[in-house]
N, C-alpha and C. Protein backbone atom coordinates (compact mmCIF):
# COMPACT_ATOMS: atom_id res chain seq x y z
N MET A 1 0.83 -1.21 0.00
CA MET A 1 0.00 0.00 0.00
C MET A 1 0.87 1.26 0.00
N LYS A 2 1.93 1.25 0.83
CA LYS A 2 2.82 2.41 0.88
C LYS A 2 3.45 2.66 -0.47
N LYS A 3 3.82 1.55 -1.14
CA LYS A 3 4.43 1.68 -2.45
C LYS A 3 3.44 2.30 -3.43
N GLY A 4 2.17 1.91 -3.27
CA GLY A 4 1.15 2.46 -4.16
C GLY A 4 0.99 3.95 -3.97
N PHE A 5 0.96 4.40 -2.71
CA PHE A 5 0.84 5.83 -2.45
C PHE A 5 2.07 6.59 -2.92
N PHE A 6 3.24 5.96 -2.82
CA PHE A 6 4.46 6.60 -3.30
C PHE A 6 4.39 6.81 -4.81
N CYS A 7 3.91 5.78 -5.53
CA CYS A 7 3.76 5.90 -6.98
C CYS A 7 2.76 6.98 -7.35
N LEU A 8 1.66 7.05 -6.57
CA LEU A 8 0.66 8.08 -6.82
C LEU A 8 1.25 9.46 -6.63
N ALA A 9 2.04 9.64 -5.58
CA ALA A 9 2.65 10.93 -5.31
C ALA A 9 3.57 11.34 -6.46
N ILE A 10 4.37 10.37 -6.95
CA ILE A 10 5.27 10.66 -8.07
C ILE A 10 4.48 11.06 -9.30
N PHE A 11 3.40 10.30 -9.57
CA PHE A 11 2.59 10.60 -10.75
C PHE A 11 1.97 11.99 -10.65
N LEU A 12 1.39 12.31 -9.48
CA LEU A 12 0.76 13.61 -9.31
C LEU A 12 1.77 14.74 -9.48
N PHE A 13 2.99 14.51 -9.02
CA PHE A 13 4.03 15.53 -9.19
C PHE A 13 4.24 15.86 -10.65
N PHE A 14 4.39 14.82 -11.49
CA PHE A 14 4.61 15.06 -12.91
C PHE A 14 3.35 15.57 -13.59
N ALA A 15 2.18 15.11 -13.12
CA ALA A 15 0.93 15.58 -13.73
C ALA A 15 0.73 17.06 -13.47
N VAL A 16 0.95 17.48 -12.23
CA VAL A 16 0.80 18.90 -11.89
C VAL A 16 1.83 19.73 -12.65
N SER A 17 3.05 19.18 -12.80
CA SER A 17 4.08 19.89 -13.55
C SER A 17 3.65 20.08 -14.99
N ALA A 18 3.02 19.04 -15.57
CA ALA A 18 2.56 19.15 -16.96
C ALA A 18 1.50 20.22 -17.09
N VAL A 19 0.58 20.29 -16.10
CA VAL A 19 -0.45 21.33 -16.14
C VAL A 19 0.18 22.70 -16.00
N ALA A 20 1.13 22.83 -15.07
CA ALA A 20 1.77 24.12 -14.84
C ALA A 20 2.49 24.62 -16.07
N MET A 21 2.99 23.70 -16.89
CA MET A 21 3.72 24.12 -18.09
C MET A 21 2.81 24.80 -19.09
N GLN A 22 1.49 24.66 -18.93
CA GLN A 22 0.56 25.30 -19.87
C GLN A 22 0.33 26.77 -19.53
N ILE A 23 0.81 27.24 -18.37
CA ILE A 23 0.57 28.61 -17.93
C ILE A 23 1.69 29.50 -18.43
N PRO A 24 1.44 30.41 -19.37
CA PRO A 24 2.50 31.25 -19.88
C PRO A 24 2.92 32.29 -18.85
N THR A 25 4.21 32.48 -18.69
CA THR A 25 4.72 33.52 -17.80
C THR A 25 5.81 34.27 -18.53
N ASN A 26 6.21 35.40 -17.99
CA ASN A 26 7.28 36.18 -18.60
C ASN A 26 8.60 35.97 -17.88
N GLY A 27 8.70 34.90 -17.10
CA GLY A 27 9.93 34.60 -16.42
C GLY A 27 10.02 35.19 -15.03
N THR A 28 9.04 35.98 -14.62
CA THR A 28 9.05 36.59 -13.30
C THR A 28 7.89 36.10 -12.45
N GLY A 29 7.14 35.14 -12.94
CA GLY A 29 5.98 34.67 -12.21
C GLY A 29 4.71 35.38 -12.62
N ASN A 30 4.81 36.44 -13.41
CA ASN A 30 3.63 37.15 -13.89
C ASN A 30 3.01 36.41 -15.07
N GLN A 31 1.70 36.47 -15.15
CA GLN A 31 1.00 35.85 -16.27
C GLN A 31 0.99 36.78 -17.47
N THR A 32 1.08 36.19 -18.65
CA THR A 32 1.07 36.94 -19.90
C THR A 32 -0.26 36.74 -20.61
N ALA A 33 -0.84 37.82 -21.09
CA ALA A 33 -2.11 37.76 -21.82
C ALA A 33 -1.94 38.41 -23.18
N THR A 34 -2.53 37.80 -24.21
CA THR A 34 -2.57 38.38 -25.55
C THR A 34 -4.02 38.58 -25.94
N LEU A 35 -4.39 39.82 -26.19
CA LEU A 35 -5.77 40.16 -26.52
C LEU A 35 -5.90 40.26 -28.04
N GLY A 36 -6.70 39.37 -28.61
CA GLY A 36 -6.88 39.35 -30.06
C GLY A 36 -8.20 39.91 -30.52
N PHE A 37 -9.10 40.25 -29.56
CA PHE A 37 -10.38 40.90 -29.84
C PHE A 37 -11.36 40.03 -30.63
N GLU A 38 -11.04 38.74 -30.78
CA GLU A 38 -11.94 37.85 -31.51
C GLU A 38 -13.14 37.45 -30.67
N ASP A 39 -13.02 37.55 -29.35
CA ASP A 39 -14.09 37.10 -28.45
C ASP A 39 -14.90 38.26 -27.89
N ILE A 40 -14.81 39.42 -28.53
CA ILE A 40 -15.38 40.62 -27.92
C ILE A 40 -16.83 40.87 -28.32
N GLY A 41 -17.26 40.29 -29.43
CA GLY A 41 -18.64 40.50 -29.87
C GLY A 41 -18.89 39.87 -31.21
N THR A 42 -20.13 39.98 -31.68
CA THR A 42 -20.50 39.39 -32.96
C THR A 42 -20.93 40.44 -33.98
N SER A 43 -21.05 41.70 -33.56
CA SER A 43 -21.42 42.75 -34.52
C SER A 43 -20.20 43.16 -35.32
N ILE A 44 -20.41 43.95 -36.35
CA ILE A 44 -19.30 44.32 -37.23
C ILE A 44 -18.35 45.31 -36.57
N TYR A 45 -18.87 46.11 -35.63
CA TYR A 45 -17.99 47.00 -34.88
C TYR A 45 -18.71 47.44 -33.60
N GLY A 46 -17.96 48.01 -32.70
CA GLY A 46 -18.54 48.48 -31.44
C GLY A 46 -17.45 48.98 -30.51
N HIS A 47 -17.86 49.45 -29.35
CA HIS A 47 -16.91 49.94 -28.35
C HIS A 47 -16.30 48.75 -27.61
N ILE A 48 -15.01 48.84 -27.32
CA ILE A 48 -14.39 47.85 -26.45
C ILE A 48 -14.78 48.20 -25.02
N PRO A 49 -15.42 47.31 -24.29
CA PRO A 49 -15.89 47.65 -22.95
C PRO A 49 -14.74 47.71 -21.95
N ASP A 50 -14.86 48.63 -21.01
CA ASP A 50 -13.90 48.67 -19.90
C ASP A 50 -13.93 47.33 -19.17
N GLY A 51 -12.77 46.87 -18.79
CA GLY A 51 -12.66 45.58 -18.12
C GLY A 51 -12.22 44.47 -19.04
N TYR A 52 -12.29 44.70 -20.36
CA TYR A 52 -11.84 43.67 -21.29
C TYR A 52 -10.34 43.46 -21.11
N GLY A 53 -9.96 42.23 -20.77
CA GLY A 53 -8.57 41.92 -20.51
C GLY A 53 -8.03 42.54 -19.23
N GLY A 54 -8.93 43.02 -18.36
CA GLY A 54 -8.49 43.67 -17.13
C GLY A 54 -8.00 45.09 -17.36
N LEU A 55 -8.39 45.68 -18.49
CA LEU A 55 -7.95 47.03 -18.84
C LEU A 55 -9.15 47.91 -19.17
N ASN A 56 -8.94 49.23 -19.12
CA ASN A 56 -9.94 50.18 -19.57
C ASN A 56 -9.53 50.71 -20.94
N TRP A 57 -10.53 50.95 -21.79
CA TRP A 57 -10.29 51.32 -23.19
C TRP A 57 -11.00 52.63 -23.49
N ASP A 58 -10.22 53.69 -23.69
CA ASP A 58 -10.76 55.03 -23.95
C ASP A 58 -10.56 55.38 -25.42
N ASN A 59 -11.68 55.58 -26.12
CA ASN A 59 -11.71 55.89 -27.54
C ASN A 59 -11.23 54.72 -28.40
N PHE A 60 -11.33 53.51 -27.88
CA PHE A 60 -11.00 52.31 -28.65
C PHE A 60 -12.28 51.54 -28.97
N GLY A 61 -12.40 51.13 -30.22
CA GLY A 61 -13.47 50.24 -30.63
C GLY A 61 -12.89 48.99 -31.26
N TYR A 62 -13.78 48.08 -31.65
CA TYR A 62 -13.34 46.91 -32.39
C TYR A 62 -14.03 46.91 -33.75
N MET A 63 -13.34 46.39 -34.76
CA MET A 63 -13.84 46.44 -36.12
C MET A 63 -13.61 45.09 -36.80
N SER A 64 -14.61 44.68 -37.58
CA SER A 64 -14.48 43.45 -38.36
C SER A 64 -13.84 43.77 -39.71
N ALA A 65 -12.83 42.99 -40.07
CA ALA A 65 -12.19 43.18 -41.37
C ALA A 65 -13.14 42.85 -42.51
N ASN A 66 -14.20 42.09 -42.23
CA ASN A 66 -15.20 41.79 -43.25
C ASN A 66 -16.03 43.02 -43.61
N TYR A 67 -16.01 44.01 -42.71
CA TYR A 67 -16.78 45.24 -42.93
C TYR A 67 -15.93 46.28 -43.65
N ILE A 68 -14.71 46.51 -43.14
CA ILE A 68 -13.76 47.42 -43.80
C ILE A 68 -12.42 46.69 -43.87
N SER A 69 -11.97 46.43 -45.07
CA SER A 69 -10.79 45.58 -45.24
C SER A 69 -9.52 46.21 -44.68
N GLY A 70 -9.52 47.52 -44.49
CA GLY A 70 -8.32 48.19 -44.00
C GLY A 70 -7.93 47.81 -42.59
N TYR A 71 -8.80 47.09 -41.89
CA TYR A 71 -8.52 46.76 -40.49
C TYR A 71 -8.08 45.31 -40.29
N GLU A 72 -7.82 44.59 -41.36
CA GLU A 72 -7.42 43.21 -41.18
C GLU A 72 -5.96 43.15 -40.69
N ILE A 73 -5.76 42.42 -39.60
CA ILE A 73 -4.40 42.22 -39.07
C ILE A 73 -4.23 40.74 -38.77
N GLU A 74 -4.77 40.29 -37.63
CA GLU A 74 -4.76 38.87 -37.28
C GLU A 74 -6.20 38.47 -37.02
N GLY A 75 -6.70 37.45 -37.71
CA GLY A 75 -8.07 37.04 -37.51
C GLY A 75 -9.03 38.03 -38.14
N ASN A 76 -10.26 38.06 -37.64
CA ASN A 76 -11.31 38.89 -38.22
C ASN A 76 -11.40 40.25 -37.55
N TYR A 77 -11.20 40.31 -36.24
CA TYR A 77 -11.40 41.55 -35.50
C TYR A 77 -10.07 42.18 -35.09
N SER A 78 -10.08 43.50 -35.04
CA SER A 78 -8.95 44.24 -34.48
C SER A 78 -9.50 45.47 -33.77
N ALA A 79 -8.70 46.05 -32.91
CA ALA A 79 -9.07 47.30 -32.24
C ALA A 79 -8.78 48.47 -33.18
N PHE A 80 -9.49 49.59 -32.99
CA PHE A 80 -9.20 50.79 -33.77
C PHE A 80 -9.53 52.02 -32.95
N ASN A 81 -8.98 53.16 -33.34
CA ASN A 81 -9.20 54.41 -32.63
C ASN A 81 -10.33 55.19 -33.28
N TYR A 82 -11.37 55.45 -32.52
CA TYR A 82 -12.54 56.18 -33.04
C TYR A 82 -12.13 57.56 -33.53
N GLY A 83 -12.66 57.93 -34.71
CA GLY A 83 -12.44 59.26 -35.25
C GLY A 83 -11.01 59.54 -35.66
N GLY A 84 -10.15 58.52 -35.60
CA GLY A 84 -8.75 58.75 -35.91
C GLY A 84 -8.04 59.55 -34.85
N ASN A 85 -8.63 59.61 -33.66
CA ASN A 85 -8.08 60.44 -32.58
C ASN A 85 -7.19 59.63 -31.63
N VAL A 86 -6.58 60.33 -30.70
CA VAL A 86 -5.74 59.68 -29.70
C VAL A 86 -6.60 58.71 -28.89
N ALA A 87 -6.02 57.57 -28.55
CA ALA A 87 -6.74 56.55 -27.79
C ALA A 87 -5.85 56.09 -26.63
N TYR A 88 -6.51 55.52 -25.60
CA TYR A 88 -5.79 55.17 -24.38
C TYR A 88 -6.17 53.76 -23.91
N VAL A 89 -5.19 53.09 -23.34
CA VAL A 89 -5.40 51.83 -22.62
C VAL A 89 -4.85 52.05 -21.22
N THR A 90 -5.68 51.82 -20.21
CA THR A 90 -5.24 52.05 -18.84
C THR A 90 -5.62 50.87 -17.95
N ARG A 91 -4.89 50.71 -16.86
CA ARG A 91 -5.23 49.70 -15.88
C ARG A 91 -6.44 50.18 -15.10
N GLU A 92 -7.26 49.24 -14.63
CA GLU A 92 -8.47 49.60 -13.89
C GLU A 92 -8.13 50.29 -12.58
N THR A 93 -7.03 49.90 -11.94
CA THR A 93 -6.57 50.55 -10.71
C THR A 93 -5.08 50.86 -10.85
N ILE A 94 -4.65 52.03 -10.37
CA ILE A 94 -3.25 52.43 -10.52
C ILE A 94 -2.33 51.62 -9.62
N SER A 95 -2.91 50.89 -8.65
CA SER A 95 -2.08 50.05 -7.78
C SER A 95 -1.80 48.69 -8.41
N ASP A 96 -2.23 48.51 -9.66
CA ASP A 96 -2.07 47.23 -10.34
C ASP A 96 -1.36 47.45 -11.68
N PRO A 97 -0.06 47.76 -11.66
CA PRO A 97 0.66 48.06 -12.90
C PRO A 97 0.83 46.82 -13.78
N PHE A 98 1.20 47.05 -15.03
CA PHE A 98 1.42 45.96 -15.96
C PHE A 98 2.67 46.24 -16.79
N THR A 99 3.06 45.25 -17.56
CA THR A 99 4.20 45.38 -18.48
C THR A 99 3.69 45.24 -19.90
N PHE A 100 3.92 46.26 -20.72
CA PHE A 100 3.54 46.18 -22.14
C PHE A 100 4.67 45.49 -22.89
N GLN A 101 4.30 44.48 -23.69
CA GLN A 101 5.31 43.71 -24.42
C GLN A 101 5.27 43.94 -25.92
N SER A 102 4.09 43.90 -26.52
CA SER A 102 4.04 44.08 -27.97
C SER A 102 2.61 44.22 -28.46
N ALA A 103 2.47 44.67 -29.71
CA ALA A 103 1.18 44.72 -30.40
C ALA A 103 1.45 44.94 -31.88
N TYR A 104 0.48 44.54 -32.70
CA TYR A 104 0.55 44.78 -34.14
C TYR A 104 -0.26 46.04 -34.47
N PHE A 105 0.25 46.83 -35.43
CA PHE A 105 -0.42 48.06 -35.84
C PHE A 105 -0.47 48.13 -37.36
N LYS A 106 -1.48 48.88 -37.86
CA LYS A 106 -1.65 49.05 -39.29
C LYS A 106 -2.45 50.32 -39.55
N GLY A 107 -2.06 51.09 -40.54
CA GLY A 107 -2.86 52.24 -40.94
C GLY A 107 -4.09 51.77 -41.70
N ALA A 108 -5.24 52.28 -41.33
CA ALA A 108 -6.47 51.84 -42.00
C ALA A 108 -6.64 52.49 -43.37
N TRP A 109 -6.26 53.78 -43.47
CA TRP A 109 -6.44 54.50 -44.74
C TRP A 109 -5.13 55.05 -45.29
N ASN A 110 -4.22 55.44 -44.39
CA ASN A 110 -2.99 56.10 -44.79
C ASN A 110 -1.81 55.56 -43.98
N PRO A 111 -0.59 55.71 -44.51
CA PRO A 111 0.58 55.47 -43.67
C PRO A 111 0.58 56.48 -42.51
N LEU A 112 0.94 56.01 -41.34
CA LEU A 112 0.83 56.85 -40.15
C LEU A 112 2.11 56.81 -39.31
N ASP A 113 2.30 57.86 -38.54
CA ASP A 113 3.23 57.86 -37.43
C ASP A 113 2.39 57.79 -36.16
N ILE A 114 2.68 56.83 -35.29
CA ILE A 114 1.92 56.69 -34.05
C ILE A 114 2.88 56.87 -32.87
N ALA A 115 2.66 57.92 -32.12
CA ALA A 115 3.46 58.16 -30.92
C ALA A 115 2.83 57.38 -29.76
N ILE A 116 3.57 56.43 -29.24
CA ILE A 116 3.08 55.59 -28.15
C ILE A 116 3.81 55.99 -26.87
N THR A 117 3.05 56.34 -25.85
CA THR A 117 3.63 56.80 -24.58
C THR A 117 3.10 55.95 -23.45
N ALA A 118 3.99 55.54 -22.55
CA ALA A 118 3.61 54.77 -21.36
C ALA A 118 3.71 55.65 -20.14
N TYR A 119 2.78 55.47 -19.18
CA TYR A 119 2.69 56.33 -18.01
C TYR A 119 2.83 55.53 -16.72
N SER A 120 3.46 56.17 -15.75
CA SER A 120 3.60 55.57 -14.42
C SER A 120 2.34 55.85 -13.61
N SER A 121 2.28 55.26 -12.41
CA SER A 121 1.11 55.46 -11.55
C SER A 121 0.99 56.91 -11.09
N GLU A 122 2.09 57.67 -11.15
CA GLU A 122 2.04 59.09 -10.79
C GLU A 122 1.58 59.96 -11.95
N GLY A 123 1.36 59.35 -13.12
CA GLY A 123 0.88 60.09 -14.27
C GLY A 123 1.97 60.66 -15.14
N TYR A 124 3.22 60.28 -14.87
CA TYR A 124 4.33 60.79 -15.66
C TYR A 124 4.64 59.86 -16.84
N PRO A 125 4.99 60.43 -18.00
CA PRO A 125 5.44 59.58 -19.11
C PRO A 125 6.81 58.98 -18.79
N VAL A 126 6.93 57.68 -18.89
CA VAL A 126 8.19 57.00 -18.55
C VAL A 126 8.84 56.32 -19.75
N PHE A 127 8.04 56.00 -20.77
CA PHE A 127 8.56 55.44 -22.02
C PHE A 127 7.82 56.09 -23.18
N GLU A 128 8.52 56.26 -24.28
CA GLU A 128 7.86 56.84 -25.46
C GLU A 128 8.62 56.44 -26.71
N GLU A 129 7.86 56.12 -27.74
CA GLU A 129 8.46 55.77 -29.03
C GLU A 129 7.43 56.03 -30.12
N THR A 130 7.91 56.53 -31.25
CA THR A 130 7.04 56.76 -32.40
C THR A 130 7.32 55.69 -33.45
N ILE A 131 6.26 55.03 -33.89
CA ILE A 131 6.40 53.97 -34.88
C ILE A 131 5.78 54.43 -36.20
N VAL A 132 6.27 53.86 -37.28
CA VAL A 132 5.76 54.15 -38.62
C VAL A 132 5.02 52.90 -39.11
N VAL A 133 3.76 53.09 -39.51
CA VAL A 133 2.95 51.95 -39.96
C VAL A 133 2.44 52.20 -41.36
N ASP A 134 2.24 51.14 -42.10
CA ASP A 134 1.80 51.19 -43.49
C ASP A 134 0.34 50.76 -43.59
N VAL A 135 -0.20 50.84 -44.80
CA VAL A 135 -1.58 50.41 -45.03
C VAL A 135 -1.64 49.02 -45.68
N ASP A 136 -0.54 48.57 -46.22
CA ASP A 136 -0.55 47.31 -46.95
C ASP A 136 -0.30 46.10 -46.05
N SER A 137 0.38 46.31 -44.94
CA SER A 137 0.68 45.19 -44.04
C SER A 137 0.83 45.74 -42.63
N SER A 138 0.66 44.85 -41.66
CA SER A 138 0.78 45.26 -40.27
C SER A 138 2.23 45.20 -39.81
N SER A 139 2.53 45.96 -38.76
CA SER A 139 3.88 46.00 -38.19
C SER A 139 3.81 45.64 -36.72
N LEU A 140 4.75 44.82 -36.28
CA LEU A 140 4.84 44.46 -34.88
C LEU A 140 5.69 45.49 -34.15
N PHE A 141 5.13 46.08 -33.10
CA PHE A 141 5.91 46.96 -32.24
C PHE A 141 6.19 46.23 -30.93
N SER A 142 7.46 46.02 -30.67
CA SER A 142 7.89 45.37 -29.44
C SER A 142 9.10 46.13 -28.91
N PRO A 143 8.96 46.88 -27.83
CA PRO A 143 10.10 47.65 -27.33
C PRO A 143 11.29 46.74 -27.05
N GLN A 144 12.49 47.28 -27.27
CA GLN A 144 13.69 46.49 -27.01
C GLN A 144 13.74 46.05 -25.55
N LEU A 145 13.30 46.91 -24.66
CA LEU A 145 13.14 46.57 -23.26
C LEU A 145 11.66 46.65 -22.92
N ASP A 146 11.15 45.67 -22.19
CA ASP A 146 9.74 45.71 -21.83
C ASP A 146 9.42 46.99 -21.06
N TRP A 147 8.29 47.56 -21.40
CA TRP A 147 7.82 48.75 -20.68
C TRP A 147 7.08 48.27 -19.44
N ASP A 148 7.80 48.22 -18.31
CA ASP A 148 7.24 47.62 -17.11
C ASP A 148 6.80 48.66 -16.09
N ASN A 149 5.99 48.17 -15.13
CA ASN A 149 5.51 48.98 -14.02
C ASN A 149 4.76 50.23 -14.51
N ILE A 150 3.91 50.06 -15.52
CA ILE A 150 3.13 51.17 -16.05
C ILE A 150 1.65 50.92 -15.78
N VAL A 151 0.86 51.99 -15.85
CA VAL A 151 -0.58 51.85 -15.63
C VAL A 151 -1.39 52.32 -16.82
N GLY A 152 -0.72 52.82 -17.86
CA GLY A 152 -1.47 53.27 -19.02
C GLY A 152 -0.60 53.53 -20.22
N LEU A 153 -1.26 53.53 -21.39
CA LEU A 153 -0.60 53.83 -22.67
C LEU A 153 -1.48 54.78 -23.46
N SER A 154 -0.85 55.72 -24.17
CA SER A 154 -1.59 56.56 -25.11
C SER A 154 -1.04 56.32 -26.51
N PHE A 155 -1.94 56.44 -27.50
CA PHE A 155 -1.58 56.19 -28.90
C PHE A 155 -2.03 57.41 -29.70
N TYR A 156 -1.06 58.23 -30.12
CA TYR A 156 -1.37 59.48 -30.82
C TYR A 156 -0.95 59.35 -32.28
N PRO A 157 -1.92 59.25 -33.21
CA PRO A 157 -1.59 59.06 -34.63
C PRO A 157 -1.50 60.39 -35.38
N SER A 158 -0.66 60.40 -36.39
CA SER A 158 -0.59 61.54 -37.31
C SER A 158 -0.24 61.00 -38.69
N LEU A 159 -0.56 61.78 -39.73
CA LEU A 159 -0.29 61.35 -41.09
C LEU A 159 1.22 61.18 -41.30
N GLY A 160 1.58 60.14 -42.04
CA GLY A 160 2.98 59.89 -42.30
C GLY A 160 3.62 60.98 -43.14
N ALA A 161 4.92 60.98 -43.19
CA ALA A 161 5.66 62.00 -43.93
C ALA A 161 5.24 62.01 -45.40
N GLY A 162 4.91 63.20 -45.90
CA GLY A 162 4.54 63.36 -47.30
C GLY A 162 3.13 62.96 -47.64
N VAL A 163 2.33 62.53 -46.64
CA VAL A 163 0.96 62.11 -46.90
C VAL A 163 0.03 63.30 -46.79
N THR A 164 -0.82 63.50 -47.79
CA THR A 164 -1.84 64.55 -47.75
C THR A 164 -3.22 63.89 -47.84
N ASP A 165 -4.09 64.31 -46.96
CA ASP A 165 -5.44 63.76 -46.92
C ASP A 165 -6.35 64.84 -46.37
N SER A 166 -7.23 65.36 -47.21
CA SER A 166 -8.11 66.46 -46.80
C SER A 166 -9.02 66.06 -45.66
N ARG A 167 -9.29 64.75 -45.53
CA ARG A 167 -10.16 64.29 -44.46
C ARG A 167 -9.37 63.91 -43.20
N ASN A 168 -8.04 64.00 -43.31
CA ASN A 168 -7.17 63.73 -42.16
C ASN A 168 -7.52 62.40 -41.49
N ARG A 169 -7.60 61.36 -42.31
CA ARG A 169 -7.98 60.05 -41.78
C ARG A 169 -6.76 59.37 -41.14
N THR A 170 -6.74 59.41 -39.83
CA THR A 170 -5.61 58.86 -39.07
C THR A 170 -6.06 57.67 -38.22
N HIS A 171 -6.96 56.88 -38.76
CA HIS A 171 -7.41 55.67 -38.06
C HIS A 171 -6.35 54.58 -38.18
N PHE A 172 -6.15 53.85 -37.11
CA PHE A 172 -5.23 52.71 -37.16
C PHE A 172 -5.89 51.48 -36.55
N GLY A 173 -5.41 50.34 -36.97
CA GLY A 173 -5.84 49.08 -36.37
C GLY A 173 -4.76 48.58 -35.42
N MET A 174 -5.18 47.92 -34.35
CA MET A 174 -4.24 47.34 -33.39
C MET A 174 -4.73 45.94 -33.04
N ASP A 175 -3.80 44.99 -32.95
CA ASP A 175 -4.19 43.60 -32.68
C ASP A 175 -3.10 42.89 -31.90
N GLU A 176 -3.46 41.74 -31.34
CA GLU A 176 -2.52 40.90 -30.59
C GLU A 176 -1.78 41.72 -29.54
N PHE A 177 -2.55 42.46 -28.74
CA PHE A 177 -2.00 43.29 -27.68
C PHE A 177 -1.52 42.38 -26.54
N THR A 178 -0.22 42.37 -26.30
CA THR A 178 0.36 41.44 -25.33
C THR A 178 0.94 42.19 -24.15
N PHE A 179 0.53 41.78 -22.96
CA PHE A 179 1.03 42.40 -21.74
C PHE A 179 1.09 41.35 -20.64
N SER A 180 1.71 41.71 -19.54
CA SER A 180 1.78 40.78 -18.42
C SER A 180 1.67 41.54 -17.10
N SER A 181 1.18 40.85 -16.11
CA SER A 181 1.11 41.38 -14.76
C SER A 181 0.74 40.24 -13.82
N SER A 182 0.82 40.50 -12.54
CA SER A 182 0.49 39.46 -11.57
C SER A 182 -0.99 39.16 -11.55
N SER A 183 -1.80 40.03 -12.17
CA SER A 183 -3.25 39.79 -12.17
C SER A 183 -3.85 39.95 -13.56
N SER A 184 -3.04 39.72 -14.60
CA SER A 184 -3.57 39.83 -15.96
C SER A 184 -4.65 38.78 -16.18
N ASN A 185 -5.60 39.10 -17.06
CA ASN A 185 -6.78 38.27 -17.24
C ASN A 185 -6.54 37.10 -18.18
N SER A 186 -5.37 36.48 -18.08
CA SER A 186 -5.13 35.36 -18.98
C SER A 186 -5.78 34.09 -18.45
N ASN A 187 -5.60 33.81 -17.15
CA ASN A 187 -6.19 32.63 -16.52
C ASN A 187 -6.13 31.41 -17.43
N PRO A 188 -4.93 30.98 -17.81
CA PRO A 188 -4.83 29.87 -18.76
C PRO A 188 -5.48 28.60 -18.25
N VAL A 189 -6.03 27.84 -19.16
CA VAL A 189 -6.66 26.56 -18.83
C VAL A 189 -5.81 25.45 -19.42
N PRO A 190 -5.57 24.37 -18.70
CA PRO A 190 -4.78 23.27 -19.26
C PRO A 190 -5.35 22.80 -20.59
N GLU A 191 -4.47 22.44 -21.51
CA GLU A 191 -4.93 21.95 -22.80
C GLU A 191 -5.64 20.62 -22.63
N PRO A 192 -6.60 20.30 -23.53
CA PRO A 192 -7.35 19.05 -23.41
C PRO A 192 -6.46 17.83 -23.32
N ALA A 193 -5.36 17.82 -24.07
CA ALA A 193 -4.48 16.65 -24.05
C ALA A 193 -3.89 16.45 -22.66
N THR A 194 -3.58 17.55 -21.99
CA THR A 194 -3.04 17.46 -20.63
C THR A 194 -4.08 16.92 -19.67
N ILE A 195 -5.31 17.42 -19.80
CA ILE A 195 -6.39 16.95 -18.93
C ILE A 195 -6.62 15.46 -19.12
N ILE A 196 -6.61 15.02 -20.40
CA ILE A 196 -6.81 13.59 -20.69
C ILE A 196 -5.68 12.77 -20.10
N LEU A 197 -4.45 13.29 -20.20
CA LEU A 197 -3.31 12.56 -19.66
C LEU A 197 -3.44 12.39 -18.15
N VAL A 198 -3.79 13.46 -17.46
CA VAL A 198 -3.94 13.37 -16.01
C VAL A 198 -5.07 12.43 -15.64
N GLY A 199 -6.22 12.58 -16.31
CA GLY A 199 -7.36 11.72 -16.01
C GLY A 199 -7.08 10.27 -16.28
N SER A 200 -6.40 10.00 -17.41
CA SER A 200 -6.08 8.62 -17.74
C SER A 200 -5.12 8.02 -16.73
N GLY A 201 -4.17 8.82 -16.28
CA GLY A 201 -3.21 8.33 -15.30
C GLY A 201 -3.87 7.96 -13.99
N LEU A 202 -4.78 8.82 -13.53
CA LEU A 202 -5.49 8.54 -12.28
C LEU A 202 -6.37 7.31 -12.42
N ALA A 203 -7.05 7.21 -13.57
CA ALA A 203 -7.91 6.04 -13.79
C ALA A 203 -7.06 4.77 -13.82
N GLY A 204 -5.91 4.84 -14.48
CA GLY A 204 -5.02 3.68 -14.54
C GLY A 204 -4.52 3.27 -13.17
N PHE A 205 -4.19 4.28 -12.34
CA PHE A 205 -3.71 3.97 -10.99
C PHE A 205 -4.81 3.27 -10.19
N GLY A 206 -6.04 3.76 -10.32
CA GLY A 206 -7.15 3.13 -9.60
C GLY A 206 -7.39 1.71 -10.07
N PHE A 207 -7.26 1.46 -11.36
CA PHE A 207 -7.44 0.12 -11.90
C PHE A 207 -6.40 -0.84 -11.34
N ILE A 208 -5.15 -0.39 -11.28
CA ILE A 208 -4.07 -1.23 -10.74
C ILE A 208 -4.34 -1.58 -9.29
N GLN A 209 -4.79 -0.58 -8.50
CA GLN A 209 -5.06 -0.84 -7.09
C GLN A 209 -6.19 -1.84 -6.90
N ARG A 210 -7.21 -1.76 -7.76
CA ARG A 210 -8.33 -2.69 -7.66
C ARG A 210 -7.88 -4.11 -7.99
N ARG A 211 -7.02 -4.26 -8.99
CA ARG A 211 -6.51 -5.59 -9.36
C ARG A 211 -5.68 -6.18 -8.22
N LYS A 212 -4.86 -5.33 -7.59
CA LYS A 212 -4.05 -5.82 -6.47
C LYS A 212 -4.94 -6.28 -5.33
N ALA A 213 -5.99 -5.51 -5.04
CA ALA A 213 -6.89 -5.89 -3.95
C ALA A 213 -7.62 -7.20 -4.26
N LYS A 214 -8.00 -7.39 -5.54
CA LYS A 214 -8.68 -8.62 -5.93
C LYS A 214 -7.78 -9.80 -5.78
N LYS A 215 -6.51 -9.68 -6.21
CA LYS A 215 -5.56 -10.79 -6.07
C LYS A 215 -5.32 -11.13 -4.62
N ALA A 216 -5.29 -10.10 -3.78
CA ALA A 216 -5.06 -10.35 -2.34
C ALA A 216 -6.23 -11.14 -1.75
N ARG A 217 -7.45 -10.84 -2.20
CA ARG A 217 -8.61 -11.58 -1.67
C ARG A 217 -8.62 -13.02 -2.17
N GLU A 218 -8.09 -13.25 -3.39
CA GLU A 218 -8.11 -14.60 -3.95
C GLU A 218 -7.08 -15.51 -3.30
N LYS A 219 -6.04 -14.95 -2.67
CA LYS A 219 -4.99 -15.77 -2.04
C LYS A 219 -5.51 -16.46 -0.77
């Protein structure tokens, strides 16, 4: 019996390890979340609600590429800035900072320069970079160093160099927004194969124990 419990303990150790391997982290124990906006709604466009991904979204909407092709990046839906104006992503509480890692961007109508600024909990800009995006393909923006311990980001678009547009259309698409924090809304779930492996192992262990008990009764 002791040997059986020892085997069970060993199995559970490896089973739990297999489940834990499904939880993405950034190497510091923080969970990493990637927001693709595919699960946000079924209409062709709308406002991104505050709380989506554990963040607040100011002047950000979501758009289906099936409605306007200029917004296709990854999948069908992407985020966009209403009216082509500055847009913001902020943490719900300033005591819960996050680390911005990367996102894809694309100009919906024109090539754009997008000034991206990160803010500390005191409201000061701590990181800033201007990226150049095209209309024909999306660009991945990933800072060389993670922008950590921030509570908000602003995205200020302007027409690219040499671009003239009487309507000043500075709309951009954003997708695959990746960030991490100790309370990011990733909450990963073990993959089905892992669940089956754990369940099968437990069932197999129980079967072995029942066979041993039957043999003991037959002696």
